[in-house]
Amino acid sequence: MRIAELSRHTGVPVPTIKYYLREGLLPAGELTSPNQARYDDRHVQRLRLVRVLLDVGRLPIATIRQLLSALDEPDPDVHRVLGTALPTAVSGKDSLDPDGVEAARVRIDKLVQERAWLVGRETTARQGAAEALAAFEQVGADVGMLLEQYADVAETIAGHDLDFVGRAPDAEGMLYHAVVGSILGDALLAALRRMAQEHESAKKFGIRGDDC
């Protein structure tokens, strides 16, 4: 297909496609003349991935270029690529007590060890979990068993997430599924959680008037 057809097929404007080509985000098409190139389904798939990395993942161009370069290696390290592409934990709050964060970090490290989770010690997710836990404690909310219960649920959800990723036929599809599943999945999960909380609240405390 010509670049105009590629544009119609994907919904990506021709100038944007040319920009991606210049930036190395899209492989060059097969030259059919000095000023014409032919594109195929591989370009459709790559455009689809680039758009989700930009629009959903909000990744900078330089990071996307690195990810795609790693994907195009003969034997890509999918685990490392997914780790780079997926969103990091929430950044720390300046108002948190450093000693409280450190104590929470010890508790999170213990949780990881007890559950034999294969999680790097310096990952932002560990620190994010510690900061969230410290915030609970700082406002006087004893997390108690909630931490373990959330960890149980997180393991189950992570299993479903990776099943979703694993259904993709190749590394590029896995990256696409991981970004979509993680970021949009977070939004869906949060909405479902609120709905379930409303349901449980109605059962526990009752419904008044015309709430439902």
N, C-alpha and C. Protein backbone atom coordinates (compact mmCIF):
# COMPACT_ATOMS: atom_id res chain seq x y z
N MET A 1 0.85 -1.19 0.00
CA MET A 1 0.00 0.00 0.00
C MET A 1 0.89 1.24 0.00
N ARG A 2 0.40 2.33 -0.62
CA ARG A 2 1.11 3.61 -0.61
C ARG A 2 0.88 4.29 0.74
N ILE A 3 1.64 5.38 0.98
CA ILE A 3 1.54 6.05 2.27
C ILE A 3 0.15 6.64 2.49
N ALA A 4 -0.51 7.10 1.42
CA ALA A 4 -1.87 7.64 1.57
C ALA A 4 -2.83 6.54 2.01
N GLU A 5 -2.65 5.35 1.46
CA GLU A 5 -3.52 4.23 1.85
C GLU A 5 -3.21 3.80 3.28
N LEU A 6 -1.94 3.81 3.65
CA LEU A 6 -1.55 3.50 5.03
C LEU A 6 -2.21 4.48 5.99
N SER A 7 -2.24 5.75 5.59
CA SER A 7 -2.88 6.78 6.41
C SER A 7 -4.38 6.50 6.56
N ARG A 8 -5.05 6.19 5.46
CA ARG A 8 -6.49 5.90 5.52
C ARG A 8 -6.77 4.67 6.36
N HIS A 9 -5.90 3.68 6.25
CA HIS A 9 -6.11 2.41 6.95
C HIS A 9 -5.94 2.55 8.46
N THR A 10 -5.03 3.43 8.88
CA THR A 10 -4.70 3.55 10.30
C THR A 10 -5.30 4.79 10.96
N GLY A 11 -5.73 5.76 10.14
CA GLY A 11 -6.24 7.00 10.69
C GLY A 11 -5.15 7.96 11.12
N VAL A 12 -3.90 7.65 10.80
CA VAL A 12 -2.78 8.52 11.13
C VAL A 12 -2.49 9.42 9.93
N PRO A 13 -2.48 10.75 10.10
CA PRO A 13 -2.25 11.65 8.96
C PRO A 13 -0.90 11.39 8.29
N VAL A 14 -0.85 11.64 7.00
CA VAL A 14 0.39 11.42 6.24
C VAL A 14 1.56 12.20 6.82
N PRO A 15 1.40 13.50 7.17
CA PRO A 15 2.54 14.22 7.75
C PRO A 15 3.06 13.56 9.04
N THR A 16 2.14 13.01 9.82
CA THR A 16 2.55 12.34 11.06
C THR A 16 3.33 11.07 10.75
N ILE A 17 2.87 10.31 9.75
CA ILE A 17 3.59 9.10 9.34
C ILE A 17 4.99 9.47 8.87
N LYS A 18 5.11 10.53 8.10
CA LYS A 18 6.43 10.96 7.62
C LYS A 18 7.33 11.38 8.78
N TYR A 19 6.73 11.99 9.79
CA TYR A 19 7.48 12.38 10.99
C TYR A 19 8.00 11.13 11.71
N TYR A 20 7.15 10.13 11.85
CA TYR A 20 7.57 8.88 12.50
C TYR A 20 8.69 8.22 11.71
N LEU A 21 8.61 8.28 10.39
CA LEU A 21 9.67 7.72 9.56
C LEU A 21 10.99 8.46 9.80
N ARG A 22 10.95 9.78 9.86
CA ARG A 22 12.16 10.56 10.10
C ARG A 22 12.75 10.28 11.47
N GLU A 23 11.87 10.07 12.47
CA GLU A 23 12.32 9.86 13.83
C GLU A 23 12.73 8.41 14.10
N GLY A 24 12.58 7.54 13.12
CA GLY A 24 12.97 6.15 13.30
C GLY A 24 11.97 5.32 14.08
N LEU A 25 10.75 5.81 14.21
CA LEU A 25 9.72 5.05 14.91
C LEU A 25 9.00 4.08 14.00
N LEU A 26 9.14 4.29 12.71
CA LEU A 26 8.49 3.44 11.71
C LEU A 26 9.53 3.02 10.68
N PRO A 27 9.65 1.72 10.39
CA PRO A 27 10.64 1.30 9.40
C PRO A 27 10.30 1.83 8.02
N ALA A 28 11.33 2.08 7.23
CA ALA A 28 11.12 2.59 5.88
C ALA A 28 10.37 1.57 5.04
N GLY A 29 9.56 2.08 4.13
CA GLY A 29 8.85 1.19 3.22
C GLY A 29 9.77 0.70 2.11
N GLU A 30 9.27 -0.23 1.32
CA GLU A 30 10.04 -0.77 0.19
C GLU A 30 9.96 0.23 -0.98
N LEU A 31 11.11 0.72 -1.40
CA LEU A 31 11.13 1.71 -2.47
C LEU A 31 10.69 1.08 -3.79
N THR A 32 9.74 1.73 -4.43
CA THR A 32 9.28 1.28 -5.75
C THR A 32 9.69 2.27 -6.83
N SER A 33 10.13 3.46 -6.40
CA SER A 33 10.67 4.49 -7.29
C SER A 33 11.41 5.47 -6.38
N PRO A 34 12.16 6.40 -6.95
CA PRO A 34 12.89 7.34 -6.08
C PRO A 34 12.02 8.10 -5.09
N ASN A 35 10.76 8.31 -5.41
CA ASN A 35 9.88 9.10 -4.55
C ASN A 35 8.67 8.32 -4.03
N GLN A 36 8.66 7.02 -4.23
CA GLN A 36 7.51 6.22 -3.82
C GLN A 36 7.98 5.01 -3.02
N ALA A 37 7.19 4.63 -2.04
CA ALA A 37 7.50 3.44 -1.23
C ALA A 37 6.22 2.66 -0.98
N ARG A 38 6.38 1.37 -0.77
CA ARG A 38 5.24 0.50 -0.50
C ARG A 38 5.30 0.07 0.97
N TYR A 39 4.14 0.05 1.61
CA TYR A 39 4.04 -0.32 3.01
C TYR A 39 3.12 -1.54 3.14
N ASP A 40 3.26 -2.26 4.26
CA ASP A 40 2.49 -3.49 4.42
C ASP A 40 1.92 -3.58 5.83
N ASP A 41 1.42 -4.77 6.19
CA ASP A 41 0.78 -4.96 7.49
C ASP A 41 1.74 -4.72 8.65
N ARG A 42 3.03 -4.94 8.40
CA ARG A 42 4.02 -4.70 9.45
C ARG A 42 4.01 -3.22 9.86
N HIS A 43 3.83 -2.34 8.88
CA HIS A 43 3.78 -0.91 9.17
C HIS A 43 2.48 -0.54 9.87
N VAL A 44 1.41 -1.21 9.52
CA VAL A 44 0.13 -0.97 10.20
C VAL A 44 0.26 -1.32 11.68
N GLN A 45 0.87 -2.48 11.97
CA GLN A 45 1.04 -2.92 13.35
C GLN A 45 1.96 -1.97 14.11
N ARG A 46 3.04 -1.54 13.47
CA ARG A 46 3.98 -0.64 14.15
C ARG A 46 3.34 0.72 14.43
N LEU A 47 2.57 1.23 13.48
CA LEU A 47 1.87 2.49 13.71
C LEU A 47 0.89 2.38 14.88
N ARG A 48 0.21 1.26 14.92
CA ARG A 48 -0.74 1.01 16.01
C ARG A 48 -0.02 1.04 17.36
N LEU A 49 1.17 0.43 17.41
CA LEU A 49 1.95 0.40 18.63
C LEU A 49 2.46 1.79 19.00
N VAL A 50 2.98 2.51 18.02
CA VAL A 50 3.50 3.85 18.28
C VAL A 50 2.41 4.75 18.84
N ARG A 51 1.23 4.67 18.26
CA ARG A 51 0.14 5.52 18.72
C ARG A 51 -0.26 5.21 20.16
N VAL A 52 -0.26 3.94 20.53
CA VAL A 52 -0.66 3.61 21.89
C VAL A 52 0.44 4.00 22.88
N LEU A 53 1.71 3.89 22.47
CA LEU A 53 2.80 4.32 23.34
C LEU A 53 2.76 5.83 23.56
N LEU A 54 2.39 6.56 22.53
CA LEU A 54 2.30 8.01 22.63
C LEU A 54 1.03 8.47 23.35
N ASP A 55 -0.12 7.97 22.89
CA ASP A 55 -1.40 8.49 23.35
C ASP A 55 -1.86 7.90 24.67
N VAL A 56 -1.55 6.62 24.89
CA VAL A 56 -1.96 5.96 26.13
C VAL A 56 -0.81 5.94 27.13
N GLY A 57 0.37 5.51 26.65
CA GLY A 57 1.51 5.42 27.54
C GLY A 57 2.14 6.76 27.87
N ARG A 58 1.91 7.78 27.02
CA ARG A 58 2.47 9.11 27.23
C ARG A 58 4.00 9.07 27.32
N LEU A 59 4.60 8.20 26.54
CA LEU A 59 6.05 8.07 26.56
C LEU A 59 6.68 9.08 25.62
N PRO A 60 7.86 9.60 25.96
CA PRO A 60 8.55 10.52 25.05
C PRO A 60 9.08 9.78 23.82
N ILE A 61 9.28 10.54 22.76
CA ILE A 61 9.74 9.96 21.50
C ILE A 61 11.03 9.17 21.68
N ALA A 62 11.97 9.74 22.44
CA ALA A 62 13.26 9.08 22.63
C ALA A 62 13.10 7.71 23.29
N THR A 63 12.21 7.62 24.28
CA THR A 63 11.98 6.34 24.95
C THR A 63 11.34 5.34 24.01
N ILE A 64 10.38 5.81 23.22
CA ILE A 64 9.72 4.93 22.26
C ILE A 64 10.74 4.40 21.25
N ARG A 65 11.63 5.27 20.78
CA ARG A 65 12.64 4.84 19.83
C ARG A 65 13.52 3.74 20.42
N GLN A 66 13.89 3.89 21.69
CA GLN A 66 14.71 2.87 22.36
C GLN A 66 13.94 1.56 22.50
N LEU A 67 12.67 1.66 22.87
CA LEU A 67 11.84 0.45 23.02
C LEU A 67 11.72 -0.30 21.70
N LEU A 68 11.46 0.44 20.63
CA LEU A 68 11.28 -0.20 19.34
C LEU A 68 12.59 -0.80 18.84
N SER A 69 13.70 -0.13 19.13
CA SER A 69 15.00 -0.67 18.76
C SER A 69 15.26 -1.98 19.48
N ALA A 70 14.89 -2.04 20.77
CA ALA A 70 15.06 -3.28 21.54
C ALA A 70 14.15 -4.37 21.00
N LEU A 71 12.94 -4.00 20.62
CA LEU A 71 11.99 -4.98 20.07
C LEU A 71 12.49 -5.57 18.76
N ASP A 72 13.22 -4.78 17.99
CA ASP A 72 13.65 -5.22 16.67
C ASP A 72 14.93 -6.06 16.71
N GLU A 73 15.47 -6.27 17.91
CA GLU A 73 16.63 -7.14 18.02
C GLU A 73 16.22 -8.59 17.71
N PRO A 74 17.17 -9.42 17.28
CA PRO A 74 16.83 -10.81 16.91
C PRO A 74 16.16 -11.58 18.05
N ASP A 75 16.61 -11.36 19.29
CA ASP A 75 16.02 -12.07 20.43
C ASP A 75 15.72 -11.04 21.52
N PRO A 76 14.62 -10.29 21.38
CA PRO A 76 14.34 -9.18 22.31
C PRO A 76 14.08 -9.67 23.73
N ASP A 77 14.54 -8.88 24.70
CA ASP A 77 14.29 -9.14 26.11
C ASP A 77 12.92 -8.54 26.45
N VAL A 78 11.88 -9.35 26.29
CA VAL A 78 10.52 -8.85 26.44
C VAL A 78 10.27 -8.34 27.86
N HIS A 79 10.79 -9.04 28.85
CA HIS A 79 10.59 -8.63 30.25
C HIS A 79 11.15 -7.23 30.49
N ARG A 80 12.34 -6.96 29.99
CA ARG A 80 12.95 -5.64 30.18
C ARG A 80 12.19 -4.57 29.39
N VAL A 81 11.78 -4.90 28.19
CA VAL A 81 11.03 -3.94 27.37
C VAL A 81 9.71 -3.57 28.05
N LEU A 82 9.00 -4.56 28.55
CA LEU A 82 7.72 -4.28 29.21
C LEU A 82 7.94 -3.43 30.46
N GLY A 83 9.00 -3.74 31.20
CA GLY A 83 9.29 -2.96 32.40
C GLY A 83 9.58 -1.51 32.10
N THR A 84 10.20 -1.24 30.95
CA THR A 84 10.50 0.13 30.55
C THR A 84 9.24 0.86 30.11
N ALA A 85 8.35 0.15 29.45
CA ALA A 85 7.17 0.79 28.86
C ALA A 85 6.06 1.03 29.87
N LEU A 86 5.94 0.18 30.87
CA LEU A 86 4.80 0.29 31.78
C LEU A 86 4.97 1.46 32.73
N PRO A 87 3.87 2.06 33.16
CA PRO A 87 3.96 3.24 34.03
C PRO A 87 4.57 2.91 35.36
N THR A 88 5.28 3.88 35.94
CA THR A 88 5.92 3.67 37.23
C THR A 88 4.96 4.02 38.35
N ALA A 89 5.41 3.79 39.55
CA ALA A 89 4.57 4.06 40.71
C ALA A 89 4.41 5.57 40.91
N VAL A 90 3.44 5.91 41.75
CA VAL A 90 3.20 7.32 42.05
C VAL A 90 4.42 7.89 42.77
N SER A 91 4.83 9.10 42.41
CA SER A 91 6.00 9.70 43.03
C SER A 91 5.72 10.04 44.48
N GLY A 92 6.79 10.15 45.24
CA GLY A 92 6.66 10.41 46.66
C GLY A 92 6.15 11.81 46.96
N LYS A 93 5.62 11.96 48.15
CA LYS A 93 5.09 13.24 48.59
C LYS A 93 6.10 13.89 49.53
N ASP A 94 6.36 15.19 49.34
CA ASP A 94 7.32 15.89 50.18
C ASP A 94 6.86 15.93 51.63
N SER A 95 5.54 15.80 51.85
CA SER A 95 5.02 15.91 53.21
C SER A 95 5.19 14.64 54.02
N LEU A 96 5.63 13.55 53.39
CA LEU A 96 5.78 12.30 54.12
C LEU A 96 7.01 12.34 55.01
N ASP A 97 6.87 11.74 56.19
CA ASP A 97 7.98 11.65 57.13
C ASP A 97 8.99 10.62 56.60
N PRO A 98 10.24 11.02 56.37
CA PRO A 98 11.24 10.08 55.83
C PRO A 98 11.41 8.83 56.67
N ASP A 99 11.34 8.98 58.00
CA ASP A 99 11.47 7.80 58.86
C ASP A 99 10.28 6.86 58.67
N GLY A 100 9.11 7.46 58.48
CA GLY A 100 7.93 6.63 58.23
C GLY A 100 8.02 5.89 56.91
N VAL A 101 8.56 6.56 55.88
CA VAL A 101 8.75 5.91 54.58
C VAL A 101 9.75 4.77 54.70
N GLU A 102 10.82 5.01 55.45
CA GLU A 102 11.83 3.97 55.62
C GLU A 102 11.25 2.75 56.34
N ALA A 103 10.47 2.99 57.38
CA ALA A 103 9.83 1.88 58.10
C ALA A 103 8.86 1.13 57.19
N ALA A 104 8.13 1.88 56.37
CA ALA A 104 7.20 1.24 55.44
C ALA A 104 7.97 0.45 54.39
N ARG A 105 9.12 0.95 53.98
CA ARG A 105 9.93 0.24 52.98
C ARG A 105 10.38 -1.11 53.53
N VAL A 106 10.75 -1.14 54.81
CA VAL A 106 11.13 -2.42 55.43
C VAL A 106 9.95 -3.39 55.39
N ARG A 107 8.77 -2.89 55.65
CA ARG A 107 7.58 -3.74 55.63
C ARG A 107 7.27 -4.25 54.22
N ILE A 108 7.45 -3.39 53.23
CA ILE A 108 7.22 -3.81 51.85
C ILE A 108 8.27 -4.83 51.43
N ASP A 109 9.52 -4.60 51.79
CA ASP A 109 10.58 -5.55 51.45
C ASP A 109 10.29 -6.92 52.07
N LYS A 110 9.77 -6.92 53.29
CA LYS A 110 9.42 -8.17 53.96
C LYS A 110 8.29 -8.88 53.22
N LEU A 111 7.32 -8.10 52.76
CA LEU A 111 6.20 -8.67 51.99
C LEU A 111 6.72 -9.33 50.71
N VAL A 112 7.59 -8.64 50.01
CA VAL A 112 8.16 -9.17 48.77
C VAL A 112 8.92 -10.46 49.04
N GLN A 113 9.71 -10.48 50.12
CA GLN A 113 10.49 -11.67 50.46
C GLN A 113 9.59 -12.84 50.81
N GLU A 114 8.59 -12.59 51.63
CA GLU A 114 7.69 -13.67 52.07
C GLU A 114 6.90 -14.27 50.92
N ARG A 115 6.56 -13.43 49.95
CA ARG A 115 5.79 -13.91 48.81
C ARG A 115 6.68 -14.37 47.65
N ALA A 116 8.00 -14.26 47.84
CA ALA A 116 8.96 -14.68 46.82
C ALA A 116 8.68 -14.00 45.48
N TRP A 117 8.32 -12.72 45.54
CA TRP A 117 8.08 -11.96 44.32
C TRP A 117 9.40 -11.62 43.65
N LEU A 118 9.47 -11.79 42.37
CA LEU A 118 10.67 -11.48 41.60
C LEU A 118 10.62 -10.01 41.19
N VAL A 119 10.90 -9.15 42.15
CA VAL A 119 10.81 -7.70 41.96
C VAL A 119 12.16 -7.08 42.33
N GLY A 120 12.70 -6.27 41.44
CA GLY A 120 13.98 -5.61 41.71
C GLY A 120 13.92 -4.72 42.94
N ARG A 121 15.01 -4.68 43.70
CA ARG A 121 15.05 -3.90 44.94
C ARG A 121 14.90 -2.41 44.69
N GLU A 122 15.36 -1.93 43.55
CA GLU A 122 15.34 -0.49 43.29
C GLU A 122 14.21 -0.06 42.36
N THR A 123 13.26 -0.92 42.12
CA THR A 123 12.15 -0.53 41.24
C THR A 123 11.32 0.56 41.90
N THR A 124 10.79 1.44 41.07
CA THR A 124 9.96 2.53 41.60
C THR A 124 8.67 2.01 42.22
N ALA A 125 8.23 0.83 41.80
CA ALA A 125 7.00 0.27 42.38
C ALA A 125 7.20 -0.04 43.86
N ARG A 126 8.37 -0.56 44.22
CA ARG A 126 8.62 -0.83 45.65
C ARG A 126 8.55 0.45 46.45
N GLN A 127 9.24 1.49 45.95
CA GLN A 127 9.25 2.75 46.68
C GLN A 127 7.85 3.36 46.71
N GLY A 128 7.12 3.24 45.60
CA GLY A 128 5.76 3.76 45.57
C GLY A 128 4.87 3.08 46.59
N ALA A 129 5.02 1.76 46.72
CA ALA A 129 4.23 1.02 47.71
C ALA A 129 4.58 1.47 49.13
N ALA A 130 5.88 1.69 49.37
CA ALA A 130 6.31 2.15 50.69
C ALA A 130 5.74 3.52 51.01
N GLU A 131 5.75 4.41 50.02
CA GLU A 131 5.22 5.76 50.24
C GLU A 131 3.71 5.74 50.49
N ALA A 132 3.01 4.89 49.75
CA ALA A 132 1.56 4.77 49.98
C ALA A 132 1.28 4.23 51.38
N LEU A 133 2.05 3.22 51.78
CA LEU A 133 1.88 2.63 53.10
C LEU A 133 2.20 3.65 54.19
N ALA A 134 3.27 4.43 53.98
CA ALA A 134 3.63 5.46 54.95
C ALA A 134 2.54 6.52 55.06
N ALA A 135 1.91 6.85 53.94
CA ALA A 135 0.82 7.83 53.96
C ALA A 135 -0.36 7.31 54.76
N PHE A 136 -0.67 6.01 54.62
CA PHE A 136 -1.72 5.40 55.45
C PHE A 136 -1.42 5.63 56.92
N GLU A 137 -0.18 5.28 57.31
CA GLU A 137 0.20 5.37 58.71
C GLU A 137 0.20 6.82 59.19
N GLN A 138 0.62 7.73 58.32
CA GLN A 138 0.75 9.12 58.72
C GLN A 138 -0.60 9.77 59.02
N VAL A 139 -1.65 9.30 58.35
CA VAL A 139 -2.98 9.85 58.62
C VAL A 139 -3.71 9.04 59.68
N GLY A 140 -2.99 8.13 60.32
CA GLY A 140 -3.56 7.38 61.43
C GLY A 140 -4.41 6.20 61.05
N ALA A 141 -4.26 5.72 59.82
CA ALA A 141 -5.03 4.56 59.36
C ALA A 141 -4.14 3.32 59.43
N ASP A 142 -4.50 2.40 60.31
CA ASP A 142 -3.74 1.16 60.44
C ASP A 142 -4.14 0.22 59.31
N VAL A 143 -3.21 -0.01 58.39
CA VAL A 143 -3.51 -0.85 57.24
C VAL A 143 -3.80 -2.28 57.67
N GLY A 144 -3.06 -2.75 58.65
CA GLY A 144 -3.29 -4.09 59.17
C GLY A 144 -3.28 -5.16 58.10
N MET A 145 -4.33 -5.96 58.08
CA MET A 145 -4.41 -7.06 57.13
C MET A 145 -4.67 -6.58 55.70
N LEU A 146 -5.04 -5.32 55.54
CA LEU A 146 -5.37 -4.81 54.21
C LEU A 146 -4.20 -4.97 53.25
N LEU A 147 -2.98 -4.79 53.76
CA LEU A 147 -1.81 -4.92 52.90
C LEU A 147 -1.72 -6.33 52.32
N GLU A 148 -1.89 -7.33 53.14
CA GLU A 148 -1.82 -8.71 52.66
C GLU A 148 -3.00 -9.02 51.73
N GLN A 149 -4.16 -8.52 52.07
CA GLN A 149 -5.33 -8.77 51.23
C GLN A 149 -5.17 -8.12 49.86
N TYR A 150 -4.63 -6.91 49.84
CA TYR A 150 -4.38 -6.24 48.57
C TYR A 150 -3.33 -6.99 47.76
N ALA A 151 -2.32 -7.52 48.46
CA ALA A 151 -1.28 -8.28 47.76
C ALA A 151 -1.88 -9.54 47.13
N ASP A 152 -2.80 -10.18 47.84
CA ASP A 152 -3.48 -11.36 47.27
C ASP A 152 -4.21 -10.99 45.98
N VAL A 153 -4.97 -9.91 46.05
CA VAL A 153 -5.73 -9.47 44.87
C VAL A 153 -4.78 -9.06 43.74
N ALA A 154 -3.70 -8.38 44.10
CA ALA A 154 -2.74 -7.93 43.09
C ALA A 154 -2.12 -9.11 42.35
N GLU A 155 -1.84 -10.19 43.06
CA GLU A 155 -1.29 -11.38 42.40
C GLU A 155 -2.28 -11.94 41.38
N THR A 156 -3.54 -11.99 41.78
CA THR A 156 -4.57 -12.52 40.87
C THR A 156 -4.71 -11.63 39.64
N ILE A 157 -4.76 -10.31 39.86
CA ILE A 157 -4.91 -9.39 38.74
C ILE A 157 -3.69 -9.45 37.82
N ALA A 158 -2.50 -9.52 38.42
CA ALA A 158 -1.27 -9.61 37.61
C ALA A 158 -1.28 -10.85 36.74
N GLY A 159 -1.80 -11.95 37.28
CA GLY A 159 -1.90 -13.17 36.48
C GLY A 159 -2.80 -12.98 35.27
N HIS A 160 -3.94 -12.32 35.49
CA HIS A 160 -4.84 -12.03 34.37
C HIS A 160 -4.19 -11.08 33.38
N ASP A 161 -3.48 -10.06 33.89
CA ASP A 161 -2.79 -9.11 33.02
C ASP A 161 -1.81 -9.82 32.09
N LEU A 162 -1.01 -10.70 32.66
CA LEU A 162 0.01 -11.36 31.85
C LEU A 162 -0.58 -12.42 30.93
N ASP A 163 -1.74 -12.98 31.30
CA ASP A 163 -2.45 -13.85 30.36
C ASP A 163 -2.89 -13.05 29.14
N PHE A 164 -3.37 -11.83 29.40
CA PHE A 164 -3.79 -10.93 28.32
C PHE A 164 -2.60 -10.58 27.42
N VAL A 165 -1.47 -10.28 28.04
CA VAL A 165 -0.25 -9.96 27.28
C VAL A 165 0.21 -11.17 26.49
N GLY A 166 0.15 -12.34 27.11
CA GLY A 166 0.67 -13.55 26.49
C GLY A 166 -0.13 -14.02 25.30
N ARG A 167 -1.33 -13.49 25.12
CA ARG A 167 -2.13 -13.89 23.96
C ARG A 167 -1.63 -13.26 22.67
N ALA A 168 -0.77 -12.25 22.79
CA ALA A 168 -0.24 -11.60 21.60
C ALA A 168 0.71 -12.55 20.86
N PRO A 169 0.75 -12.48 19.52
CA PRO A 169 1.54 -13.44 18.75
C PRO A 169 3.04 -13.16 18.73
N ASP A 170 3.46 -11.93 19.10
CA ASP A 170 4.88 -11.60 19.02
C ASP A 170 5.21 -10.55 20.07
N ALA A 171 6.51 -10.20 20.15
CA ALA A 171 6.96 -9.26 21.17
C ALA A 171 6.32 -7.89 21.00
N GLU A 172 6.13 -7.45 19.78
CA GLU A 172 5.53 -6.15 19.53
C GLU A 172 4.08 -6.13 20.02
N GLY A 173 3.36 -7.22 19.75
CA GLY A 173 1.99 -7.31 20.23
C GLY A 173 1.92 -7.37 21.75
N MET A 174 2.91 -8.04 22.36
CA MET A 174 2.94 -8.10 23.82
C MET A 174 3.10 -6.72 24.42
N LEU A 175 3.98 -5.90 23.82
CA LEU A 175 4.18 -4.55 24.31
C LEU A 175 2.89 -3.75 24.19
N TYR A 176 2.22 -3.87 23.06
CA TYR A 176 0.95 -3.17 22.84
C TYR A 176 -0.07 -3.58 23.90
N HIS A 177 -0.23 -4.89 24.10
CA HIS A 177 -1.20 -5.38 25.08
C HIS A 177 -0.83 -4.95 26.49
N ALA A 178 0.47 -4.93 26.80
CA ALA A 178 0.90 -4.57 28.15
C ALA A 178 0.58 -3.12 28.48
N VAL A 179 0.86 -2.22 27.53
CA VAL A 179 0.60 -0.80 27.77
C VAL A 179 -0.90 -0.55 27.88
N VAL A 180 -1.65 -1.10 26.93
CA VAL A 180 -3.10 -0.92 26.96
C VAL A 180 -3.70 -1.55 28.21
N GLY A 181 -3.30 -2.79 28.48
CA GLY A 181 -3.86 -3.50 29.62
C GLY A 181 -3.52 -2.87 30.95
N SER A 182 -2.31 -2.34 31.08
CA SER A 182 -1.89 -1.75 32.34
C SER A 182 -2.54 -0.40 32.58
N ILE A 183 -2.43 0.50 31.60
CA ILE A 183 -2.91 1.86 31.81
C ILE A 183 -4.43 1.95 31.76
N LEU A 184 -5.01 1.43 30.68
CA LEU A 184 -6.47 1.45 30.61
C LEU A 184 -7.07 0.47 31.61
N GLY A 185 -6.34 -0.61 31.87
CA GLY A 185 -6.80 -1.57 32.87
C GLY A 185 -6.89 -0.94 34.25
N ASP A 186 -5.93 -0.05 34.58
CA ASP A 186 -5.99 0.66 35.86
C ASP A 186 -7.28 1.47 35.97
N ALA A 187 -7.62 2.16 34.90
CA ALA A 187 -8.83 2.98 34.91
C ALA A 187 -10.08 2.11 35.06
N LEU A 188 -10.11 1.00 34.32
CA LEU A 188 -11.26 0.08 34.41
C LEU A 188 -11.35 -0.53 35.80
N LEU A 189 -10.20 -0.93 36.33
CA LEU A 189 -10.19 -1.55 37.65
C LEU A 189 -10.67 -0.57 38.73
N ALA A 190 -10.22 0.69 38.63
CA ALA A 190 -10.65 1.70 39.61
C ALA A 190 -12.15 1.91 39.54
N ALA A 191 -12.71 1.97 38.33
CA ALA A 191 -14.15 2.17 38.18
C ALA A 191 -14.94 0.98 38.72
N LEU A 192 -14.47 -0.22 38.42
CA LEU A 192 -15.13 -1.42 38.94
C LEU A 192 -15.04 -1.48 40.46
N ARG A 193 -13.91 -1.06 40.99
CA ARG A 193 -13.75 -1.03 42.45
C ARG A 193 -14.77 -0.11 43.08
N ARG A 194 -14.95 1.09 42.51
CA ARG A 194 -15.93 2.03 43.05
C ARG A 194 -17.34 1.45 42.97
N MET A 195 -17.65 0.78 41.87
CA MET A 195 -18.97 0.17 41.73
C MET A 195 -19.16 -0.92 42.78
N ALA A 196 -18.14 -1.74 42.99
CA ALA A 196 -18.25 -2.81 43.97
C ALA A 196 -18.35 -2.24 45.38
N GLN A 197 -17.64 -1.13 45.65
CA GLN A 197 -17.75 -0.49 46.96
C GLN A 197 -19.17 0.03 47.20
N GLU A 198 -19.75 0.62 46.15
CA GLU A 198 -21.13 1.11 46.28
C GLU A 198 -22.08 -0.05 46.56
N HIS A 199 -21.86 -1.15 45.86
CA HIS A 199 -22.70 -2.34 46.06
C HIS A 199 -22.57 -2.86 47.49
N GLU A 200 -21.31 -2.99 47.96
CA GLU A 200 -21.09 -3.52 49.31
C GLU A 200 -21.63 -2.56 50.37
N SER A 201 -21.50 -1.25 50.11
CA SER A 201 -22.02 -0.26 51.06
C SER A 201 -23.54 -0.35 51.15
N ALA A 202 -24.18 -0.53 49.99
CA ALA A 202 -25.64 -0.65 49.99
C ALA A 202 -26.09 -1.87 50.76
N LYS A 203 -25.35 -2.97 50.60
CA LYS A 203 -25.71 -4.20 51.34
C LYS A 203 -25.49 -4.02 52.84
N LYS A 204 -24.39 -3.34 53.19
CA LYS A 204 -24.03 -3.24 54.60
C LYS A 204 -24.83 -2.18 55.34
N PHE A 205 -25.05 -1.03 54.69
CA PHE A 205 -25.67 0.10 55.37
C PHE A 205 -27.07 0.41 54.88
N GLY A 206 -27.47 -0.26 53.80
CA GLY A 206 -28.82 -0.06 53.29
C GLY A 206 -28.93 1.12 52.33
N ILE A 207 -29.98 1.11 51.51
CA ILE A 207 -30.24 2.15 50.52
C ILE A 207 -31.42 2.98 50.97
N ARG A 208 -31.26 4.30 50.88
CA ARG A 208 -32.34 5.20 51.26
C ARG A 208 -32.82 5.96 50.03
N GLY A 209 -34.10 6.19 49.96
CA GLY A 209 -34.66 6.97 48.86
C GLY A 209 -34.48 6.30 47.51
N ASP A 210 -34.14 7.11 46.50
CA ASP A 210 -34.05 6.62 45.14
C ASP A 210 -32.60 6.54 44.65
N ASP A 211 -31.69 6.10 45.54
CA ASP A 211 -30.29 6.02 45.17
C ASP A 211 -30.05 5.06 44.04
N CYS A 212 -30.87 4.01 43.91
CA CYS A 212 -30.69 3.03 42.85
C CYS A 212 -31.96 2.92 42.03
